Amino acid sequence: MTFFKTLWRDQSGASAAEYALILAIVGTGIALAAWNLGTAIKNSMGSATNCIKNVGTGSAPSANC
């Protein structure tokens, strides 16, 4: 607990290593979000493509269309 109290009271500026660590963490978060968003868009486009392909084929449309 003493470590956290000392860290909280520390008034010195951030060093380059700390900035690099923050950049790495934020960059990783952005990369993961972009990856998940890309996957969601890919799945949505695939679903839309299947709905368009099945129009007029006489098959019953699925609940997603």
C-alpha atoms as a PDB file:
ATOM      1  CA  MET A   1       0.000   0.000   0.000  1.00  0.00           C
ATOM      2  CA  THR A   2       2.920   2.309   0.718  1.00  0.00           C
ATOM      3  CA  PHE A   3       4.077   1.922  -2.891  1.00  0.00           C
ATOM      4  CA  PHE A   4       0.756   3.217  -4.211  1.00  0.00           C
ATOM      5  CA  LYS A   5       0.764   6.166  -1.783  1.00  0.00           C
ATOM      6  CA  THR A   6       4.268   7.079  -2.892  1.00  0.00           C
ATOM      7  CA  LEU A   7       3.321   6.697  -6.540  1.00  0.00           C
ATOM      8  CA  TRP A   8       0.250   8.906  -6.057  1.00  0.00           C
ATOM      9  CA  ARG A   9       2.301  11.693  -4.412  1.00  0.00           C
ATOM     10  CA  ASP A  10       5.087  11.575  -7.002  1.00  0.00           C
ATOM     11  CA  GLN A  11       5.198  14.944  -8.754  1.00  0.00           C
ATOM     12  CA  SER A  12       7.948  14.171 -11.260  1.00  0.00           C
ATOM     13  CA  GLY A  13       7.178  14.145 -14.966  1.00  0.00           C
ATOM     14  CA  ALA A  14       6.745  11.026 -17.038  1.00  0.00           C
ATOM     15  CA  SER A  15       9.830   9.616 -18.668  1.00  0.00           C
ATOM     16  CA  ALA A  16      10.088   8.381 -22.243  1.00  0.00           C
ATOM     17  CA  ALA A  17       9.675   4.784 -21.059  1.00  0.00           C
ATOM     18  CA  GLU A  18       6.375   5.622 -19.389  1.00  0.00           C
ATOM     19  CA  TYR A  19       5.134   7.372 -22.511  1.00  0.00           C
ATOM     20  CA  ALA A  20       6.145   4.354 -24.580  1.00  0.00           C
ATOM     21  CA  LEU A  21       4.257   2.044 -22.232  1.00  0.00           C
ATOM     22  CA  ILE A  22       1.127   4.190 -22.426  1.00  0.00           C
ATOM     23  CA  LEU A  23       1.427   4.310 -26.209  1.00  0.00           C
ATOM     24  CA  ALA A  24       1.787   0.522 -26.384  1.00  0.00           C
ATOM     25  CA  ILE A  25      -1.287  -0.045 -24.211  1.00  0.00           C
ATOM     26  CA  VAL A  26      -3.445   2.447 -26.122  1.00  0.00           C
ATOM     27  CA  GLY A  27      -2.179   1.150 -29.461  1.00  0.00           C
ATOM     28  CA  THR A  28      -3.011  -2.425 -28.496  1.00  0.00           C
ATOM     29  CA  GLY A  29      -6.523  -1.362 -27.491  1.00  0.00           C
ATOM     30  CA  ILE A  30      -7.060   0.429 -30.790  1.00  0.00           C
ATOM     31  CA  ALA A  31      -5.735  -2.548 -32.762  1.00  0.00           C
ATOM     32  CA  LEU A  32      -8.036  -4.977 -30.932  1.00  0.00           C
ATOM     33  CA  ALA A  33     -11.034  -2.702 -31.449  1.00  0.00           C
ATOM     34  CA  ALA A  34     -10.256  -2.373 -35.162  1.00  0.00           C
ATOM     35  CA  TRP A  35      -9.848  -6.149 -35.488  1.00  0.00           C
ATOM     36  CA  ASN A  36     -13.205  -6.802 -33.793  1.00  0.00           C
ATOM     37  CA  LEU A  37     -14.928  -4.106 -35.827  1.00  0.00           C
ATOM     38  CA  GLY A  38     -13.516  -5.582 -39.035  1.00  0.00           C
ATOM     39  CA  THR A  39     -14.808  -9.023 -38.093  1.00  0.00           C
ATOM     40  CA  ALA A  40     -18.261  -7.617 -37.308  1.00  0.00           C
ATOM     41  CA  ILE A  41     -18.389  -5.774 -40.624  1.00  0.00           C
ATOM     42  CA  LYS A  42     -17.253  -8.896 -42.492  1.00  0.00           C
ATOM     43  CA  ASN A  43     -19.989 -10.987 -40.866  1.00  0.00           C
ATOM     44  CA  SER A  44     -22.637  -8.346 -41.591  1.00  0.00           C
ATOM     45  CA  MET A  45     -21.620  -8.077 -45.219  1.00  0.00           C
ATOM     46  CA  GLY A  46     -21.679 -11.867 -45.571  1.00  0.00           C
ATOM     47  CA  SER A  47     -25.161 -12.001 -44.081  1.00  0.00           C
ATOM     48  CA  ALA A  48     -26.378  -9.255 -46.405  1.00  0.00           C
ATOM     49  CA  THR A  49     -24.848 -11.044 -49.391  1.00  0.00           C
ATOM     50  CA  ASN A  50     -26.664 -14.263 -48.496  1.00  0.00           C
ATOM     51  CA  CYS A  51     -29.959 -12.401 -48.140  1.00  0.00           C
ATOM     52  CA  ILE A  52     -29.522 -10.792 -51.549  1.00  0.00           C
ATOM     53  CA  LYS A  53     -28.566 -14.105 -53.172  1.00  0.00           C
ATOM     54  CA  ASN A  54     -31.690 -15.809 -51.810  1.00  0.00           C
ATOM     55  CA  VAL A  55     -34.159 -13.197 -53.119  1.00  0.00           C
ATOM     56  CA  GLY A  56     -36.485 -14.754 -55.652  1.00  0.00           C
ATOM     57  CA  THR A  57     -35.212 -18.316 -55.206  1.00  0.00           C
ATOM     58  CA  GLY A  58     -38.436 -19.495 -53.619  1.00  0.00           C
ATOM     59  CA  SER A  59     -36.753 -20.369 -50.340  1.00  0.00           C
ATOM     60  CA  ALA A  60     -38.160 -18.871 -47.199  1.00  0.00           C
ATOM     61  CA  PRO A  61     -36.105 -15.919 -45.970  1.00  0.00           C
ATOM     62  CA  SER A  62     -34.290 -16.384 -42.690  1.00  0.00           C
ATOM     63  CA  ALA A  63     -34.950 -14.208 -39.667  1.00  0.00           C
ATOM     64  CA  ASN A  64     -31.785 -12.204 -40.415  1.00  0.00           C
ATOM     65  CA  CYS A  65     -33.032 -10.833 -43.749  1.00  0.00           C
END
